[in-house]
Amino acid sequence: MIIGFNFKKINIEKKNSVTGKVDINNNVAITDVKENDFSMGKQKQKGLSFIFEFTSKYEPDVGNLLFEGEVLYLGEPKDNDNLLKGWKKNKSLPKEIMAEIIDTVLSRCNIEALILSRDINLPPPVPLPKVKREE
């Protein structure tokens, strides 16, 4: 179960004016998994921190966004140990855990990316709905 989310680094840069067609490439990756002790009231529980990196690159070299952070996860101790061993062995996670972590990262980062891109006049990194006009 996901119990927390933290940004550790936010970087947005506009390098050039936006002219013509701009391609935006978004990527999210889990870069590390670490054991973490969580204080839950008076008790301490062992959990995991999934370290992530979310990037949006605007091409041709117009700008970029970078978010680094962690998703805090609390599971059964045996399951946590298996997840950590699997990560250390071959840098992979079970599909259901990976989907839950990536969905959380995307929902938080996409919202923040929309706000920040607007603030420095870059196109939104995710498509926004538009009203279709009848002509």
N, C-alpha and C. Protein backbone atom coordinates (compact mmCIF):
# COMPACT_ATOMS: atom_id res chain seq x y z
N MET A 1 0.84 -1.17 0.00
CA MET A 1 0.00 0.00 0.00
C MET A 1 0.89 1.24 0.00
N ILE A 2 0.56 2.20 -0.82
CA ILE A 2 1.30 3.46 -0.90
C ILE A 2 0.86 4.35 0.26
N ILE A 3 1.84 4.85 1.00
CA ILE A 3 1.53 5.68 2.16
C ILE A 3 2.09 7.10 2.06
N GLY A 4 2.85 7.38 1.00
CA GLY A 4 3.40 8.72 0.88
C GLY A 4 4.07 8.96 -0.45
N PHE A 5 4.30 10.24 -0.72
CA PHE A 5 4.93 10.68 -1.96
C PHE A 5 5.70 11.95 -1.67
N ASN A 6 6.95 12.03 -2.11
CA ASN A 6 7.77 13.22 -1.88
C ASN A 6 8.54 13.59 -3.14
N PHE A 7 8.54 14.88 -3.46
CA PHE A 7 9.46 15.38 -4.47
C PHE A 7 10.77 15.69 -3.78
N LYS A 8 11.89 15.32 -4.41
CA LYS A 8 13.22 15.64 -3.89
C LYS A 8 13.89 16.71 -4.75
N LYS A 9 13.52 16.74 -6.02
CA LYS A 9 14.13 17.71 -6.94
C LYS A 9 13.11 18.06 -8.02
N ILE A 10 12.99 19.35 -8.30
CA ILE A 10 12.14 19.83 -9.39
C ILE A 10 12.98 20.82 -10.19
N ASN A 11 13.10 20.57 -11.49
CA ASN A 11 13.88 21.45 -12.35
C ASN A 11 13.11 21.63 -13.66
N ILE A 12 12.87 22.88 -14.03
CA ILE A 12 12.22 23.17 -15.30
C ILE A 12 13.02 24.28 -15.97
N GLU A 13 13.23 24.10 -17.27
CA GLU A 13 14.07 25.06 -17.99
C GLU A 13 13.48 25.32 -19.37
N LYS A 14 13.40 26.59 -19.71
CA LYS A 14 13.01 27.00 -21.06
C LYS A 14 14.26 27.55 -21.73
N LYS A 15 14.70 26.89 -22.80
CA LYS A 15 15.95 27.26 -23.45
C LYS A 15 15.72 28.22 -24.62
N ASN A 16 14.67 28.00 -25.39
CA ASN A 16 14.40 28.81 -26.58
C ASN A 16 12.91 29.09 -26.67
N SER A 17 12.56 30.05 -27.52
CA SER A 17 11.15 30.34 -27.76
C SER A 17 10.51 29.19 -28.51
N VAL A 18 9.24 29.00 -28.25
CA VAL A 18 8.49 27.94 -28.91
C VAL A 18 8.00 28.46 -30.25
N THR A 19 8.51 27.87 -31.33
CA THR A 19 8.05 28.23 -32.67
C THR A 19 7.89 26.94 -33.47
N GLY A 20 6.82 26.87 -34.22
CA GLY A 20 6.59 25.69 -35.04
C GLY A 20 6.19 24.49 -34.21
N LYS A 21 6.41 23.31 -34.80
CA LYS A 21 6.01 22.05 -34.16
C LYS A 21 7.01 21.68 -33.06
N VAL A 22 6.47 21.32 -31.91
CA VAL A 22 7.30 20.89 -30.78
C VAL A 22 6.88 19.48 -30.39
N ASP A 23 7.85 18.57 -30.34
CA ASP A 23 7.61 17.21 -29.87
C ASP A 23 7.97 17.15 -28.40
N ILE A 24 7.13 16.48 -27.62
CA ILE A 24 7.37 16.36 -26.18
C ILE A 24 7.48 14.87 -25.86
N ASN A 25 8.62 14.48 -25.32
CA ASN A 25 8.85 13.09 -24.93
C ASN A 25 8.85 13.00 -23.41
N ASN A 26 7.87 12.26 -22.88
CA ASN A 26 7.77 12.06 -21.44
C ASN A 26 8.30 10.67 -21.09
N ASN A 27 8.95 10.59 -19.94
CA ASN A 27 9.47 9.30 -19.49
C ASN A 27 9.43 9.26 -17.97
N VAL A 28 9.10 8.10 -17.44
CA VAL A 28 9.16 7.89 -15.99
C VAL A 28 9.91 6.59 -15.76
N ALA A 29 10.79 6.61 -14.76
CA ALA A 29 11.59 5.42 -14.46
C ALA A 29 11.78 5.28 -12.96
N ILE A 30 11.78 4.04 -12.51
CA ILE A 30 12.17 3.74 -11.13
C ILE A 30 13.69 3.58 -11.18
N THR A 31 14.40 4.39 -10.42
CA THR A 31 15.87 4.35 -10.46
C THR A 31 16.47 3.55 -9.31
N ASP A 32 15.70 3.37 -8.22
CA ASP A 32 16.22 2.60 -7.10
C ASP A 32 15.08 2.22 -6.16
N VAL A 33 15.32 1.20 -5.37
CA VAL A 33 14.38 0.77 -4.32
C VAL A 33 15.22 0.61 -3.06
N LYS A 34 14.77 1.25 -1.98
CA LYS A 34 15.52 1.19 -0.72
C LYS A 34 14.59 0.82 0.43
N GLU A 35 15.17 0.17 1.42
CA GLU A 35 14.42 -0.13 2.63
C GLU A 35 14.31 1.15 3.45
N ASN A 36 13.18 1.32 4.13
CA ASN A 36 12.92 2.54 4.87
C ASN A 36 12.15 2.19 6.14
N ASP A 37 12.46 2.86 7.25
CA ASP A 37 11.71 2.70 8.50
C ASP A 37 10.69 3.82 8.61
N PHE A 38 9.43 3.46 8.81
CA PHE A 38 8.37 4.44 8.94
C PHE A 38 7.87 4.45 10.38
N SER A 39 7.65 5.64 10.92
CA SER A 39 7.06 5.77 12.24
C SER A 39 5.55 5.88 12.07
N MET A 40 4.85 4.93 12.62
CA MET A 40 3.38 4.93 12.55
C MET A 40 2.87 5.02 13.99
N GLY A 41 2.65 6.24 14.44
CA GLY A 41 2.30 6.43 15.85
C GLY A 41 3.52 6.12 16.69
N LYS A 42 3.40 5.21 17.63
CA LYS A 42 4.52 4.85 18.49
C LYS A 42 5.32 3.68 17.91
N GLN A 43 4.81 3.08 16.84
CA GLN A 43 5.48 1.92 16.25
C GLN A 43 6.33 2.33 15.05
N LYS A 44 7.39 1.54 14.83
CA LYS A 44 8.17 1.68 13.61
C LYS A 44 7.90 0.46 12.75
N GLN A 45 7.69 0.70 11.47
CA GLN A 45 7.47 -0.40 10.53
C GLN A 45 8.45 -0.26 9.38
N LYS A 46 8.88 -1.40 8.88
CA LYS A 46 9.78 -1.39 7.72
C LYS A 46 8.95 -1.34 6.45
N GLY A 47 9.37 -0.47 5.56
CA GLY A 47 8.72 -0.34 4.27
C GLY A 47 9.76 -0.11 3.20
N LEU A 48 9.32 0.34 2.05
CA LEU A 48 10.22 0.58 0.93
C LEU A 48 10.03 1.98 0.38
N SER A 49 11.11 2.55 -0.14
CA SER A 49 11.06 3.80 -0.88
C SER A 49 11.42 3.49 -2.32
N PHE A 50 10.51 3.81 -3.23
CA PHE A 50 10.75 3.65 -4.66
C PHE A 50 11.21 5.01 -5.18
N ILE A 51 12.45 5.11 -5.57
CA ILE A 51 13.02 6.36 -6.06
C ILE A 51 12.71 6.46 -7.55
N PHE A 52 12.18 7.61 -7.99
CA PHE A 52 11.76 7.76 -9.39
C PHE A 52 12.37 8.99 -10.02
N GLU A 53 12.30 9.00 -11.35
CA GLU A 53 12.68 10.16 -12.15
C GLU A 53 11.65 10.31 -13.26
N PHE A 54 11.09 11.50 -13.37
CA PHE A 54 10.10 11.83 -14.41
C PHE A 54 10.70 12.95 -15.25
N THR A 55 10.73 12.76 -16.56
CA THR A 55 11.28 13.80 -17.44
C THR A 55 10.31 14.10 -18.59
N SER A 56 10.33 15.34 -19.01
CA SER A 56 9.66 15.78 -20.22
C SER A 56 10.70 16.58 -21.01
N LYS A 57 10.99 16.12 -22.24
CA LYS A 57 11.95 16.81 -23.09
C LYS A 57 11.22 17.39 -24.28
N TYR A 58 11.43 18.66 -24.50
CA TYR A 58 10.80 19.39 -25.60
C TYR A 58 11.81 19.47 -26.75
N GLU A 59 11.43 18.95 -27.91
CA GLU A 59 12.31 18.95 -29.09
C GLU A 59 11.68 19.76 -30.20
N PRO A 60 12.40 20.56 -30.93
CA PRO A 60 13.86 20.74 -30.88
C PRO A 60 14.24 21.61 -29.69
N ASP A 61 15.18 21.19 -28.93
CA ASP A 61 15.79 21.80 -27.75
C ASP A 61 15.13 23.09 -27.25
N VAL A 62 13.84 23.00 -26.91
CA VAL A 62 13.09 24.15 -26.42
C VAL A 62 13.15 24.23 -24.90
N GLY A 63 13.12 23.08 -24.24
CA GLY A 63 13.16 23.07 -22.79
C GLY A 63 13.03 21.67 -22.25
N ASN A 64 13.02 21.57 -20.92
CA ASN A 64 12.83 20.26 -20.29
C ASN A 64 12.35 20.42 -18.86
N LEU A 65 11.75 19.35 -18.37
CA LEU A 65 11.31 19.26 -16.99
C LEU A 65 11.93 18.01 -16.38
N LEU A 66 12.27 18.10 -15.11
CA LEU A 66 12.80 16.95 -14.39
C LEU A 66 12.22 16.94 -12.98
N PHE A 67 11.65 15.82 -12.61
CA PHE A 67 11.19 15.61 -11.24
C PHE A 67 11.88 14.37 -10.71
N GLU A 68 12.44 14.46 -9.52
CA GLU A 68 12.98 13.30 -8.83
C GLU A 68 12.29 13.23 -7.48
N GLY A 69 12.03 12.01 -7.03
CA GLY A 69 11.36 11.88 -5.74
C GLY A 69 11.25 10.44 -5.33
N GLU A 70 10.34 10.21 -4.38
CA GLU A 70 10.16 8.86 -3.88
C GLU A 70 8.70 8.59 -3.57
N VAL A 71 8.32 7.33 -3.76
CA VAL A 71 7.01 6.85 -3.38
C VAL A 71 7.24 5.92 -2.19
N LEU A 72 6.54 6.17 -1.09
CA LEU A 72 6.70 5.38 0.12
C LEU A 72 5.67 4.26 0.13
N TYR A 73 6.15 3.05 0.35
CA TYR A 73 5.32 1.85 0.22
C TYR A 73 5.43 1.01 1.48
N LEU A 74 4.28 0.57 1.97
CA LEU A 74 4.24 -0.29 3.15
C LEU A 74 3.55 -1.59 2.78
N GLY A 75 4.26 -2.69 2.93
CA GLY A 75 3.71 -4.01 2.64
C GLY A 75 4.09 -4.97 3.74
N GLU A 76 3.74 -6.22 3.55
CA GLU A 76 4.13 -7.26 4.50
C GLU A 76 5.65 -7.38 4.49
N PRO A 77 6.28 -7.57 5.66
CA PRO A 77 7.75 -7.65 5.71
C PRO A 77 8.34 -8.68 4.74
N LYS A 78 7.73 -9.84 4.62
CA LYS A 78 8.24 -10.87 3.71
C LYS A 78 8.15 -10.40 2.26
N ASP A 79 7.02 -9.76 1.92
CA ASP A 79 6.85 -9.24 0.55
C ASP A 79 7.86 -8.14 0.26
N ASN A 80 8.08 -7.26 1.24
CA ASN A 80 9.07 -6.19 1.07
C ASN A 80 10.46 -6.77 0.81
N ASP A 81 10.82 -7.80 1.58
CA ASP A 81 12.12 -8.43 1.40
C ASP A 81 12.26 -9.02 0.00
N ASN A 82 11.20 -9.68 -0.49
CA ASN A 82 11.22 -10.27 -1.83
C ASN A 82 11.33 -9.19 -2.91
N LEU A 83 10.60 -8.09 -2.74
CA LEU A 83 10.67 -6.99 -3.70
C LEU A 83 12.08 -6.41 -3.75
N LEU A 84 12.67 -6.21 -2.58
CA LEU A 84 14.01 -5.63 -2.50
C LEU A 84 15.06 -6.58 -3.11
N LYS A 85 14.94 -7.87 -2.82
CA LYS A 85 15.87 -8.86 -3.39
C LYS A 85 15.75 -8.89 -4.91
N GLY A 86 14.51 -8.90 -5.42
CA GLY A 86 14.29 -8.90 -6.86
C GLY A 86 14.87 -7.67 -7.53
N TRP A 87 14.72 -6.52 -6.88
CA TRP A 87 15.27 -5.28 -7.42
C TRP A 87 16.80 -5.33 -7.46
N LYS A 88 17.40 -5.76 -6.36
CA LYS A 88 18.86 -5.81 -6.30
C LYS A 88 19.43 -6.81 -7.29
N LYS A 89 18.69 -7.90 -7.53
CA LYS A 89 19.19 -8.95 -8.42
C LYS A 89 19.12 -8.54 -9.89
N ASN A 90 17.95 -8.06 -10.34
CA ASN A 90 17.80 -7.78 -11.78
C ASN A 90 17.04 -6.49 -12.10
N LYS A 91 16.96 -5.57 -11.13
CA LYS A 91 16.33 -4.26 -11.35
C LYS A 91 14.91 -4.36 -11.93
N SER A 92 14.16 -5.33 -11.42
CA SER A 92 12.78 -5.46 -11.89
C SER A 92 11.84 -5.62 -10.70
N LEU A 93 10.57 -5.29 -10.95
CA LEU A 93 9.52 -5.39 -9.94
C LEU A 93 8.33 -6.13 -10.54
N PRO A 94 7.51 -6.77 -9.70
CA PRO A 94 6.29 -7.40 -10.22
C PRO A 94 5.39 -6.36 -10.90
N LYS A 95 4.71 -6.80 -11.95
CA LYS A 95 3.89 -5.88 -12.75
C LYS A 95 2.87 -5.12 -11.93
N GLU A 96 2.19 -5.79 -10.98
CA GLU A 96 1.14 -5.11 -10.22
C GLU A 96 1.71 -4.02 -9.31
N ILE A 97 2.88 -4.25 -8.74
CA ILE A 97 3.53 -3.23 -7.90
C ILE A 97 4.02 -2.08 -8.78
N MET A 98 4.67 -2.43 -9.88
CA MET A 98 5.20 -1.42 -10.80
C MET A 98 4.06 -0.52 -11.30
N ALA A 99 2.94 -1.10 -11.67
CA ALA A 99 1.80 -0.32 -12.17
C ALA A 99 1.29 0.65 -11.10
N GLU A 100 1.19 0.18 -9.86
CA GLU A 100 0.71 1.03 -8.77
C GLU A 100 1.67 2.20 -8.53
N ILE A 101 2.96 1.93 -8.54
CA ILE A 101 3.95 2.98 -8.30
C ILE A 101 3.96 3.98 -9.46
N ILE A 102 4.01 3.48 -10.69
CA ILE A 102 4.05 4.37 -11.87
C ILE A 102 2.78 5.21 -11.97
N ASP A 103 1.60 4.63 -11.70
CA ASP A 103 0.35 5.40 -11.72
C ASP A 103 0.40 6.56 -10.73
N THR A 104 0.94 6.31 -9.55
CA THR A 104 1.05 7.36 -8.54
C THR A 104 2.00 8.46 -9.01
N VAL A 105 3.14 8.07 -9.55
CA VAL A 105 4.12 9.04 -10.04
C VAL A 105 3.51 9.88 -11.16
N LEU A 106 2.86 9.22 -12.11
CA LEU A 106 2.27 9.95 -13.24
C LEU A 106 1.19 10.92 -12.80
N SER A 107 0.31 10.49 -11.90
CA SER A 107 -0.77 11.38 -11.48
C SER A 107 -0.24 12.62 -10.77
N ARG A 108 0.79 12.47 -9.96
CA ARG A 108 1.35 13.62 -9.25
C ARG A 108 2.22 14.49 -10.16
N CYS A 109 3.06 13.87 -10.97
CA CYS A 109 4.00 14.62 -11.80
C CYS A 109 3.30 15.32 -12.97
N ASN A 110 2.31 14.69 -13.58
CA ASN A 110 1.62 15.33 -14.70
C ASN A 110 0.93 16.61 -14.27
N ILE A 111 0.32 16.61 -13.10
CA ILE A 111 -0.35 17.82 -12.61
C ILE A 111 0.67 18.93 -12.36
N GLU A 112 1.76 18.58 -11.70
CA GLU A 112 2.81 19.56 -11.41
C GLU A 112 3.44 20.07 -12.71
N ALA A 113 3.65 19.18 -13.67
CA ALA A 113 4.26 19.56 -14.95
C ALA A 113 3.35 20.52 -15.72
N LEU A 114 2.03 20.31 -15.66
CA LEU A 114 1.09 21.23 -16.31
C LEU A 114 1.21 22.63 -15.74
N ILE A 115 1.25 22.72 -14.43
CA ILE A 115 1.32 24.03 -13.77
C ILE A 115 2.64 24.73 -14.09
N LEU A 116 3.74 24.01 -13.94
CA LEU A 116 5.06 24.63 -14.15
C LEU A 116 5.29 25.00 -15.61
N SER A 117 4.84 24.15 -16.54
CA SER A 117 5.02 24.48 -17.96
C SER A 117 4.23 25.75 -18.31
N ARG A 118 3.07 25.90 -17.74
CA ARG A 118 2.28 27.12 -17.97
C ARG A 118 3.01 28.34 -17.43
N ASP A 119 3.63 28.20 -16.27
CA ASP A 119 4.30 29.33 -15.63
C ASP A 119 5.49 29.85 -16.42
N ILE A 120 6.14 29.00 -17.22
CA ILE A 120 7.28 29.50 -18.01
C ILE A 120 6.99 29.46 -19.51
N ASN A 121 5.72 29.38 -19.86
CA ASN A 121 5.25 29.44 -21.24
C ASN A 121 5.81 28.35 -22.15
N LEU A 122 5.78 27.12 -21.65
CA LEU A 122 6.05 25.95 -22.48
C LEU A 122 4.72 25.26 -22.76
N PRO A 123 4.59 24.55 -23.87
CA PRO A 123 3.36 23.81 -24.12
C PRO A 123 3.15 22.76 -23.03
N PRO A 124 1.89 22.42 -22.72
CA PRO A 124 1.66 21.40 -21.70
C PRO A 124 2.26 20.06 -22.14
N PRO A 125 2.91 19.35 -21.22
CA PRO A 125 3.55 18.08 -21.57
C PRO A 125 2.57 16.93 -21.77
N VAL A 126 1.32 17.12 -21.41
CA VAL A 126 0.29 16.11 -21.66
C VAL A 126 -0.82 16.76 -22.46
N PRO A 127 -1.44 16.03 -23.38
CA PRO A 127 -2.50 16.64 -24.18
C PRO A 127 -3.70 17.06 -23.33
N LEU A 128 -4.19 18.23 -23.58
CA LEU A 128 -5.37 18.73 -22.88
C LEU A 128 -6.59 18.57 -23.77
N PRO A 129 -7.76 18.34 -23.17
CA PRO A 129 -8.97 18.23 -23.98
C PRO A 129 -9.29 19.56 -24.65
N LYS A 130 -9.81 19.48 -25.86
CA LYS A 130 -10.18 20.68 -26.58
C LYS A 130 -11.60 20.53 -27.13
N VAL A 131 -12.28 21.65 -27.22
CA VAL A 131 -13.63 21.67 -27.78
C VAL A 131 -13.48 21.63 -29.31
N LYS A 132 -14.20 20.73 -29.93
CA LYS A 132 -14.15 20.64 -31.38
C LYS A 132 -15.17 21.62 -31.96
N ARG A 133 -14.70 22.49 -32.83
CA ARG A 133 -15.56 23.51 -33.43
C ARG A 133 -16.17 22.98 -34.72
N GLU A 134 -17.44 23.27 -34.87
CA GLU A 134 -18.12 22.91 -36.12
C GLU A 134 -17.99 24.09 -37.08
N GLU A 135 -17.63 23.78 -38.32
CA GLU A 135 -17.47 24.87 -39.28
C GLU A 135 -18.49 24.78 -40.37
